[in-house]
PDB file of N, CA and C in Angstrom:
ATOM      1  N   MET A   1     113.031  84.554  90.205  1.00  0.00           N
ATOM      2  CA  MET A   1     113.602  83.686  89.803  1.00  0.00           C
ATOM      3  C   MET A   1     113.248  82.100  89.786  1.00  0.00           C
ATOM      4  N   LYS A   2     112.207  82.135  91.231  1.00  0.00           N
ATOM      5  CA  LYS A   2     111.410  80.988  91.304  1.00  0.00           C
ATOM      6  C   LYS A   2     110.490  80.689  89.793  1.00  0.00           C
ATOM      7  N   GLU A   3     110.006  81.634  89.260  1.00  0.00           N
ATOM      8  CA  GLU A   3     109.762  81.198  87.905  1.00  0.00           C
ATOM      9  C   GLU A   3     110.433  81.022  86.814  1.00  0.00           C
ATOM     10  N   VAL A   4     111.868  81.214  86.663  1.00  0.00           N
ATOM     11  CA  VAL A   4     112.590  80.986  86.055  1.00  0.00           C
ATOM     12  C   VAL A   4     113.063  79.309  86.049  1.00  0.00           C
ATOM     13  N   MET A   5     113.671  78.939  87.362  1.00  0.00           N
ATOM     14  CA  MET A   5     113.630  77.639  87.597  1.00  0.00           C
ATOM     15  C   MET A   5     112.546  76.726  87.913  1.00  0.00           C
ATOM     16  N   ARG A   6     111.126  77.251  87.480  1.00  0.00           N
ATOM     17  CA  ARG A   6     110.168  76.796  87.499  1.00  0.00           C
ATOM     18  C   ARG A   6     109.983  76.047  86.152  1.00  0.00           C
ATOM     19  N   LYS A   7     109.848  77.057  85.213  1.00  0.00           N
ATOM     20  CA  LYS A   7     110.090  76.529  83.866  1.00  0.00           C
ATOM     21  C   LYS A   7     111.113  75.838  83.390  1.00  0.00           C
ATOM     22  N   LEU A   8     112.208  75.908  84.137  1.00  0.00           N
ATOM     23  CA  LEU A   8     113.714  74.551  84.159  1.00  0.00           C
ATOM     24  C   LEU A   8     113.313  73.548  84.058  1.00  0.00           C
ATOM     25  N   CYS A   9     112.609  73.140  85.394  1.00  0.00           N
ATOM     26  CA  CYS A   9     112.255  72.039  85.733  1.00  0.00           C
ATOM     27  C   CYS A   9     110.782  71.908  85.322  1.00  0.00           C
ATOM     28  N   SER A  10     110.352  72.429  84.673  1.00  0.00           N
ATOM     29  CA  SER A  10     108.639  71.990  83.780  1.00  0.00           C
ATOM     30  C   SER A  10     108.443  70.482  83.367  1.00  0.00           C
ATOM     31  N   PRO A  11     108.986  69.833  82.795  1.00  0.00           N
ATOM     32  CA  PRO A  11     108.930  68.224  82.484  1.00  0.00           C
ATOM     33  C   PRO A  11     109.114  67.573  83.665  1.00  0.00           C
ATOM     34  N   LEU A  12     109.758  67.734  84.655  1.00  0.00           N
ATOM     35  CA  LEU A  12     109.403  66.775  85.902  1.00  0.00           C
ATOM     36  C   LEU A  12     108.422  67.737  86.692  1.00  0.00           C
ATOM     37  N   LEU A  13     107.958  68.486  86.921  1.00  0.00           N
ATOM     38  CA  LEU A  13     106.956  68.919  87.729  1.00  0.00           C
ATOM     39  C   LEU A  13     106.028  68.951  86.825  1.00  0.00           C
ATOM     40  N   GLY A  14     105.781  68.582  85.954  1.00  0.00           N
ATOM     41  CA  GLY A  14     104.459  68.014  85.022  1.00  0.00           C
ATOM     42  C   GLY A  14     103.958  67.154  85.679  1.00  0.00           C
ATOM     43  N   MET A  15     104.464  65.952  85.368  1.00  0.00           N
ATOM     44  CA  MET A  15     104.352  64.921  86.199  1.00  0.00           C
ATOM     45  C   MET A  15     103.746  64.933  87.404  1.00  0.00           C
ATOM     46  N   PHE A  16     103.702  65.556  88.217  1.00  0.00           N
ATOM     47  CA  PHE A  16     103.077  65.702  89.713  1.00  0.00           C
ATOM     48  C   PHE A  16     102.146  66.738  89.600  1.00  0.00           C
ATOM     49  N   GLU A  17     101.926  67.827  89.171  1.00  0.00           N
ATOM     50  CA  GLU A  17     101.302  68.505  89.359  1.00  0.00           C
ATOM     51  C   GLU A  17     100.317  68.696  88.328  1.00  0.00           C
ATOM     52  N   SER A  18     100.226  67.217  87.091  1.00  0.00           N
ATOM     53  CA  SER A  18      99.379  67.227  86.642  1.00  0.00           C
ATOM     54  C   SER A  18      98.201  66.704  86.706  1.00  0.00           C
ATOM     55  N   GLY A  19      96.808  66.826  86.710  1.00  0.00           N
ATOM     56  CA  GLY A  19      95.639  65.935  87.372  1.00  0.00           C
ATOM     57  C   GLY A  19      94.320  66.711  87.900  1.00  0.00           C
ATOM     58  N   GLU A  20      93.650  66.431  87.603  1.00  0.00           N
ATOM     59  CA  GLU A  20      91.929  67.173  88.538  1.00  0.00           C
ATOM     60  C   GLU A  20      91.230  66.369  89.323  1.00  0.00           C
ATOM     61  N   GLY A  21      90.780  67.370  90.363  1.00  0.00           N
ATOM     62  CA  GLY A  21      90.259  66.837  91.274  1.00  0.00           C
ATOM     63  C   GLY A  21      90.308  67.372  92.936  1.00  0.00           C
ATOM     64  N   GLU A  22      90.190  66.368  93.524  1.00  0.00           N
ATOM     65  CA  GLU A  22      90.292  67.237  94.965  1.00  0.00           C
ATOM     66  C   GLU A  22      91.211  66.298  95.553  1.00  0.00           C
ATOM     67  N   TYR A  23      92.411  66.987  96.460  1.00  0.00           N
ATOM     68  CA  TYR A  23      93.565  66.451  96.928  1.00  0.00           C
ATOM     69  C   TYR A  23      94.038  66.590  98.474  1.00  0.00           C
ATOM     70  N   ASP A  24      94.519  65.348  99.229  1.00  0.00           N
ATOM     71  CA  ASP A  24      94.783  66.442 100.491  1.00  0.00           C
ATOM     72  C   ASP A  24      96.317  67.125 101.048  1.00  0.00           C
ATOM     73  N   TYR A  25      96.155  67.942 100.696  1.00  0.00           N
ATOM     74  CA  TYR A  25      97.375  68.613 101.270  1.00  0.00           C
ATOM     75  C   TYR A  25      97.722  69.227 102.754  1.00  0.00           C
ATOM     76  N   LYS A  26      98.787  69.262 103.504  1.00  0.00           N
ATOM     77  CA  LYS A  26      99.138  69.381 104.438  1.00  0.00           C
ATOM     78  C   LYS A  26     100.348  70.504 104.710  1.00  0.00           C
ATOM     79  N   PRO A  27     100.647  71.104 104.954  1.00  0.00           N
ATOM     80  CA  PRO A  27     102.357  72.053 104.705  1.00  0.00           C
ATOM     81  C   PRO A  27     103.085  71.211 105.796  1.00  0.00           C
ATOM     82  N   SER A  28     102.835  70.198 106.156  1.00  0.00           N
ATOM     83  CA  SER A  28     104.182  69.229 106.995  1.00  0.00           C
ATOM     84  C   SER A  28     104.066  68.465 105.846  1.00  0.00           C
ATOM     85  N   TYR A  29     103.713  68.331 104.679  1.00  0.00           N
ATOM     86  CA  TYR A  29     103.701  67.002 103.892  1.00  0.00           C
ATOM     87  C   TYR A  29     105.490  68.176 103.226  1.00  0.00           C
ATOM     88  N   ARG A  30     105.133  69.225 102.711  1.00  0.00           N
ATOM     89  CA  ARG A  30     106.095  70.024 102.104  1.00  0.00           C
ATOM     90  C   ARG A  30     107.222  69.892 102.906  1.00  0.00           C
ATOM     91  N   THR A  31     107.341  70.319 104.525  1.00  0.00           N
ATOM     92  CA  THR A  31     108.512  70.333 105.157  1.00  0.00           C
ATOM     93  C   THR A  31     108.951  68.777 104.855  1.00  0.00           C
ATOM     94  N   ILE A  32     108.091  67.815 105.583  1.00  0.00           N
ATOM     95  CA  ILE A  32     108.927  66.336 105.353  1.00  0.00           C
ATOM     96  C   ILE A  32     109.374  65.982 103.479  1.00  0.00           C
ATOM     97  N   LEU A  33     108.695  66.603 102.777  1.00  0.00           N
ATOM     98  CA  LEU A  33     109.532  66.498 102.061  1.00  0.00           C
ATOM     99  C   LEU A  33     110.668  66.809 101.177  1.00  0.00           C
ATOM    100  N   ILE A  34     110.826  68.299 101.769  1.00  0.00           N
ATOM    101  CA  ILE A  34     112.385  68.406 101.457  1.00  0.00           C
ATOM    102  C   ILE A  34     113.288  68.206 102.340  1.00  0.00           C
ATOM    103  N   VAL A  35     113.203  67.591 103.569  1.00  0.00           N
ATOM    104  CA  VAL A  35     113.911  67.132 104.493  1.00  0.00           C
ATOM    105  C   VAL A  35     114.333  65.652 104.221  1.00  0.00           C
ATOM    106  N   LEU A  36     113.422  65.568 103.621  1.00  0.00           N
ATOM    107  CA  LEU A  36     113.588  63.703 103.080  1.00  0.00           C
ATOM    108  C   LEU A  36     114.340  64.010 101.806  1.00  0.00           C
ATOM    109  N   GLY A  37     114.671  64.769 100.863  1.00  0.00           N
ATOM    110  CA  GLY A  37     115.447  65.077  99.897  1.00  0.00           C
ATOM    111  C   GLY A  37     116.545  65.456 100.519  1.00  0.00           C
ATOM    112  N   LEU A  38     116.613  66.243 101.555  1.00  0.00           N
ATOM    113  CA  LEU A  38     117.798  67.123 101.878  1.00  0.00           C
ATOM    114  C   LEU A  38     119.062  65.472 103.064  1.00  0.00           C
ATOM    115  N   LEU A  39     118.037  64.621 102.940  1.00  0.00           N
ATOM    116  CA  LEU A  39     118.788  63.065 104.058  1.00  0.00           C
ATOM    117  C   LEU A  39     119.290  62.380 102.700  1.00  0.00           C
ATOM    118  N   CYS A  40     118.372  62.683 101.857  1.00  0.00           N
ATOM    119  CA  CYS A  40     118.988  61.635 100.034  1.00  0.00           C
ATOM    120  C   CYS A  40     119.885  62.075  99.511  1.00  0.00           C
ATOM    121  N   LEU A  41     120.114  63.344 100.008  1.00  0.00           N
ATOM    122  CA  LEU A  41     121.062  63.692  99.075  1.00  0.00           C
ATOM    123  C   LEU A  41     122.890  64.047  99.965  1.00  0.00           C
ATOM    124  N   VAL A  42     121.993  63.933 101.134  1.00  0.00           N
ATOM    125  CA  VAL A  42     123.254  63.899 102.809  1.00  0.00           C
ATOM    126  C   VAL A  42     123.777  62.480 102.221  1.00  0.00           C
ATOM    127  N   ILE A  43     123.004  61.064 101.699  1.00  0.00           N
ATOM    128  CA  ILE A  43     123.284  60.275 101.720  1.00  0.00           C
ATOM    129  C   ILE A  43     124.393  59.668 100.561  1.00  0.00           C
ATOM    130  N   SER A  44     123.728  60.627  99.441  1.00  0.00           N
ATOM    131  CA  SER A  44     124.479  60.291  98.232  1.00  0.00           C
ATOM    132  C   SER A  44     125.702  60.687  98.689  1.00  0.00           C
ATOM    133  N   LEU A  45     126.097  61.871  98.800  1.00  0.00           N
ATOM    134  CA  LEU A  45     127.475  62.751  99.212  1.00  0.00           C
ATOM    135  C   LEU A  45     128.370  61.893 100.157  1.00  0.00           C
ATOM    136  N   ILE A  46     127.809  61.086 101.068  1.00  0.00           N
ATOM    137  CA  ILE A  46     128.480  60.297 101.942  1.00  0.00           C
ATOM    138  C   ILE A  46     128.829  58.885 100.944  1.00  0.00           C
ATOM    139  N   SER A  47     128.190  58.451 100.045  1.00  0.00           N
ATOM    140  CA  SER A  47     128.223  57.482  99.570  1.00  0.00           C
ATOM    141  C   SER A  47     129.395  57.464  98.596  1.00  0.00           C
ATOM    142  N   PHE A  48     129.245  58.817  97.943  1.00  0.00           N
ATOM    143  CA  PHE A  48     130.076  59.102  96.775  1.00  0.00           C
ATOM    144  C   PHE A  48     131.771  59.433  97.672  1.00  0.00           C
ATOM    145  N   ILE A  49     132.140  59.944  98.644  1.00  0.00           N
ATOM    146  CA  ILE A  49     133.597  60.056  99.714  1.00  0.00           C
ATOM    147  C   ILE A  49     133.567  58.536  99.482  1.00  0.00           C
ATOM    148  N   MET A  50     132.955  57.452 100.444  1.00  0.00           N
ATOM    149  CA  MET A  50     132.971  56.401 100.613  1.00  0.00           C
ATOM    150  C   MET A  50     133.642  56.031  99.541  1.00  0.00           C
ATOM    151  N   THR A  51     133.030  55.863  98.354  1.00  0.00           N
ATOM    152  CA  THR A  51     133.628  55.276  97.025  1.00  0.00           C
ATOM    153  C   THR A  51     134.637  55.856  96.997  1.00  0.00           C
ATOM    154  N   PHE A  52     134.507  56.992  96.453  1.00  0.00           N
ATOM    155  CA  PHE A  52     136.017  57.574  96.537  1.00  0.00           C
ATOM    156  C   PHE A  52     137.303  57.374  96.732  1.00  0.00           C
ATOM    157  N   MET A  53     136.852  57.442  97.836  1.00  0.00           N
ATOM    158  CA  MET A  53     138.124  56.551  99.289  1.00  0.00           C
ATOM    159  C   MET A  53     138.630  55.386  99.077  1.00  0.00           C
ATOM    160  N   THR A  54     137.470  54.441  98.871  1.00  0.00           N
ATOM    161  CA  THR A  54     137.859  52.814  98.723  1.00  0.00           C
ATOM    162  C   THR A  54     138.236  52.790  97.107  1.00  0.00           C
ATOM    163  N   GLY A  55     137.795  53.499  96.406  1.00  0.00           N
ATOM    164  CA  GLY A  55     138.010  53.179  94.869  1.00  0.00           C
ATOM    165  C   GLY A  55     137.161  51.825  94.499  1.00  0.00           C
ATOM    166  N   GLN A  56     136.501  51.649  95.092  1.00  0.00           N
ATOM    167  CA  GLN A  56     135.555  50.166  95.020  1.00  0.00           C
ATOM    168  C   GLN A  56     134.126  50.912  94.445  1.00  0.00           C
ATOM    169  N   PHE A  57     134.037  50.801  93.162  1.00  0.00           N
ATOM    170  CA  PHE A  57     132.787  51.874  92.028  1.00  0.00           C
ATOM    171  C   PHE A  57     131.622  51.244  91.898  1.00  0.00           C
ATOM    172  N   ALA A  58     131.588  50.048  92.820  1.00  0.00           N
ATOM    173  CA  ALA A  58     130.030  49.848  92.526  1.00  0.00           C
ATOM    174  C   ALA A  58     129.395  50.342  93.528  1.00  0.00           C
ATOM    175  N   GLY A  59     129.420  51.250  94.266  1.00  0.00           N
ATOM    176  CA  GLY A  59     129.042  52.400  94.790  1.00  0.00           C
ATOM    177  C   GLY A  59     128.027  53.415  94.114  1.00  0.00           C
ATOM    178  N   VAL A  60     128.369  53.250  92.667  1.00  0.00           N
ATOM    179  CA  VAL A  60     128.041  54.710  91.717  1.00  0.00           C
ATOM    180  C   VAL A  60     126.093  54.315  92.019  1.00  0.00           C
ATOM    181  N   ILE A  61     125.879  52.839  92.253  1.00  0.00           N
ATOM    182  CA  ILE A  61     124.333  52.648  91.997  1.00  0.00           C
ATOM    183  C   ILE A  61     123.989  53.575  92.963  1.00  0.00           C
ATOM    184  N   PRO A  62     123.957  53.066  94.294  1.00  0.00           N
ATOM    185  CA  PRO A  62     122.892  54.194  95.145  1.00  0.00           C
ATOM    186  C   PRO A  62     123.749  55.350  95.093  1.00  0.00           C
ATOM    187  N   ILE A  63     124.690  55.773  95.035  1.00  0.00           N
ATOM    188  CA  ILE A  63     124.954  57.259  94.595  1.00  0.00           C
ATOM    189  C   ILE A  63     124.100  57.930  93.426  1.00  0.00           C
ATOM    190  N   LEU A  64     123.775  57.349  92.484  1.00  0.00           N
ATOM    191  CA  LEU A  64     122.822  57.511  91.731  1.00  0.00           C
ATOM    192  C   LEU A  64     121.361  58.155  92.373  1.00  0.00           C
ATOM    193  N   LEU A  65     120.845  57.009  92.567  1.00  0.00           N
ATOM    194  CA  LEU A  65     119.698  56.395  92.887  1.00  0.00           C
ATOM    195  C   LEU A  65     119.238  57.378  93.867  1.00  0.00           C
ATOM    196  N   PHE A  66     119.931  58.027  95.603  1.00  0.00           N
ATOM    197  CA  PHE A  66     119.605  58.442  96.442  1.00  0.00           C
ATOM    198  C   PHE A  66     120.084  60.195  95.862  1.00  0.00           C
ATOM    199  N   PHE A  67     120.389  60.403  94.983  1.00  0.00           N
ATOM    200  CA  PHE A  67     120.742  61.738  94.363  1.00  0.00           C
ATOM    201  C   PHE A  67     119.726  62.071  93.525  1.00  0.00           C
ATOM    202  N   LEU A  68     119.266  61.050  92.528  1.00  0.00           N
ATOM    203  CA  LEU A  68     118.144  61.338  91.917  1.00  0.00           C
ATOM    204  C   LEU A  68     117.245  61.736  92.772  1.00  0.00           C
ATOM    205  N   THR A  69     116.719  60.667  93.950  1.00  0.00           N
ATOM    206  CA  THR A  69     115.999  61.225  94.981  1.00  0.00           C
ATOM    207  C   THR A  69     115.300  62.305  95.531  1.00  0.00           C
ATOM    208  N   GLY A  70     116.837  62.701  95.926  1.00  0.00           N
ATOM    209  CA  GLY A  70     116.946  64.072  96.896  1.00  0.00           C
ATOM    210  C   GLY A  70     116.360  65.294  95.593  1.00  0.00           C
ATOM    211  N   VAL A  71     117.359  64.861  94.391  1.00  0.00           N
ATOM    212  CA  VAL A  71     117.287  66.221  93.669  1.00  0.00           C
ATOM    213  C   VAL A  71     114.857  66.056  93.254  1.00  0.00           C
ATOM    214  N   VAL A  72     114.870  65.006  93.007  1.00  0.00           N
ATOM    215  CA  VAL A  72     113.088  65.300  92.966  1.00  0.00           C
ATOM    216  C   VAL A  72     112.328  65.494  93.938  1.00  0.00           C
ATOM    217  N   CYS A  73     112.594  64.937  95.217  1.00  0.00           N
ATOM    218  CA  CYS A  73     111.911  65.769  96.059  1.00  0.00           C
ATOM    219  C   CYS A  73     112.165  67.250  96.752  1.00  0.00           C
ATOM    220  N   GLU A  74     114.092  67.389  96.435  1.00  0.00           N
ATOM    221  CA  GLU A  74     113.938  68.909  96.425  1.00  0.00           C
ATOM    222  C   GLU A  74     113.221  69.945  95.309  1.00  0.00           C
ATOM    223  N   VAL A  75     113.003  69.456  94.521  1.00  0.00           N
ATOM    224  CA  VAL A  75     112.368  70.257  93.145  1.00  0.00           C
ATOM    225  C   VAL A  75     110.726  70.471  93.721  1.00  0.00           C
ATOM    226  N   VAL A  76     110.578  69.255  93.938  1.00  0.00           N
ATOM    227  CA  VAL A  76     109.058  69.422  94.332  1.00  0.00           C
ATOM    228  C   VAL A  76     108.805  70.168  95.669  1.00  0.00           C
ATOM    229  N   GLY A  77     109.649  69.840  96.661  1.00  0.00           N
ATOM    230  CA  GLY A  77     109.627  70.867  97.779  1.00  0.00           C
ATOM    231  C   GLY A  77     109.605  72.002  97.416  1.00  0.00           C
ATOM    232  N   TRP A  78     110.668  72.593  97.018  1.00  0.00           N
ATOM    233  CA  TRP A  78     110.887  73.768  97.003  1.00  0.00           C
ATOM    234  C   TRP A  78     109.740  74.580  95.971  1.00  0.00           C
ATOM    235  N   LEU A  79     109.540  74.010  94.589  1.00  0.00           N
ATOM    236  CA  LEU A  79     108.972  75.024  93.105  1.00  0.00           C
ATOM    237  C   LEU A  79     107.595  74.418  93.273  1.00  0.00           C
ATOM    238  N   GLY A  80     107.271  72.805  93.324  1.00  0.00           N
ATOM    239  CA  GLY A  80     105.866  72.514  93.251  1.00  0.00           C
ATOM    240  C   GLY A  80     104.839  73.172  93.881  1.00  0.00           C
ATOM    241  N   ASN A  81     103.700  73.306  93.173  1.00  0.00           N
ATOM    242  CA  ASN A  81     102.279  73.311  93.768  1.00  0.00           C
ATOM    243  C   ASN A  81     102.123  72.366  94.752  1.00  0.00           C
ATOM    244  N   ASP A  82     101.162  72.704  95.899  1.00  0.00           N
ATOM    245  CA  ASP A  82     100.630  71.797  96.344  1.00  0.00           C
ATOM    246  C   ASP A  82     100.074  70.534  96.143  1.00  0.00           C
ATOM    247  N   ARG A  83      99.061  70.827  94.378  1.00  0.00           N
ATOM    248  CA  ARG A  83      98.910  69.559  94.509  1.00  0.00           C
ATOM    249  C   ARG A  83     100.545  68.646  94.266  1.00  0.00           C
ATOM    250  N   ALA A  84     101.337  69.312  93.621  1.00  0.00           N
ATOM    251  CA  ALA A  84     102.773  68.255  93.479  1.00  0.00           C
ATOM    252  C   ALA A  84     103.305  67.338  94.349  1.00  0.00           C
ATOM    253  N   VAL A  85     102.991  68.212  95.955  1.00  0.00           N
ATOM    254  CA  VAL A  85     103.262  67.572  96.994  1.00  0.00           C
ATOM    255  C   VAL A  85     101.942  66.991  97.512  1.00  0.00           C
ATOM    256  N   ALA A  86     101.340  66.510  97.253  1.00  0.00           N
ATOM    257  CA  ALA A  86     100.186  65.704  97.432  1.00  0.00           C
ATOM    258  C   ALA A  86     100.094  64.332  97.015  1.00  0.00           C
ATOM    259  N   ARG A  87     100.550  64.652  95.511  1.00  0.00           N
ATOM    260  CA  ARG A  87     100.870  64.101  94.720  1.00  0.00           C
ATOM    261  C   ARG A  87     101.824  62.997  94.676  1.00  0.00           C
ATOM    262  N   ILE A  88     102.951  63.594  95.407  1.00  0.00           N
ATOM    263  CA  ILE A  88     104.058  62.552  95.383  1.00  0.00           C
ATOM    264  C   ILE A  88     103.834  61.844  96.430  1.00  0.00           C
ATOM    265  N   TRP A  89     103.361  62.241  97.528  1.00  0.00           N
ATOM    266  CA  TRP A  89     102.732  61.808  98.603  1.00  0.00           C
ATOM    267  C   TRP A  89     101.369  60.276  98.688  1.00  0.00           C
ATOM    268  N   LYS A  90     100.986  60.337  97.392  1.00  0.00           N
ATOM    269  CA  LYS A  90      99.955  59.733  96.998  1.00  0.00           C
ATOM    270  C   LYS A  90      98.787  60.521  97.700  1.00  0.00           C
ATOM    271  N   ARG A  91      98.530  61.417  97.976  1.00  0.00           N
ATOM    272  CA  ARG A  91      97.502  62.131  98.651  1.00  0.00           C
ATOM    273  C   ARG A  91      96.386  62.941  97.477  1.00  0.00           C
ATOM    274  N   SER A  92      96.040  62.470  96.302  1.00  0.00           N
ATOM    275  CA  SER A  92      95.178  63.120  95.640  1.00  0.00           C
ATOM    276  C   SER A  92      94.211  61.879  94.941  1.00  0.00           C
TER     277      SER A  92
END
């Protein structure tokens, strides 16, 4: 299943997994990335609920920004290799 998801997300993962040379990776980077992605998705959900309840659709921009940030963090955190995680933290 993971390989199917990696193939589906290959355009996104390719941006972070490309490159050569040394990179600095610690397992805690992956954990922090997954937690950050989860927090961004929660903020996006809360913004969506508040926007829907108030009817003020100016909240669409924060919803999209937090949602996209959360999705990228989760995809790289769960499916990316060590280089991708290090690169998202600029450790390569």
